[in-house]
Amino acid sequence: MPLHWFNPPVTVSTGKPGVRYGCNNVEGAARELMEWNNHGLMWNHAVRACMSCLAGEMTPEDVRKAFIAAAEEEGKLLSDDH
């Protein structure tokens, strides 16, 4: 199954100190979300968006937006200049 790509990548901090992740596809976003400890409202929306995209009901860009919102809620969103 091909990956569901989006662009530009979304850069987030990971659970490992100093390690960042530039996510550019739905499958990567889903994997990263599963690593997070807190599961807030935006996290829930992002996970559902990933599943919906994989089912052909949403676009990768929809997932990108939901992933950004979840990363902001979690305090994990990084700008490209970090």
Foldseek 3Di string as FASTA:
>chain_A
DDWQFAPDFWWWDAPDPPDIDGDTTLVVLLVRLVRDDDCDPLSVVLNVQSVCVVVVNHHRVVSRVSSQVVRVVVVTTDDPVD
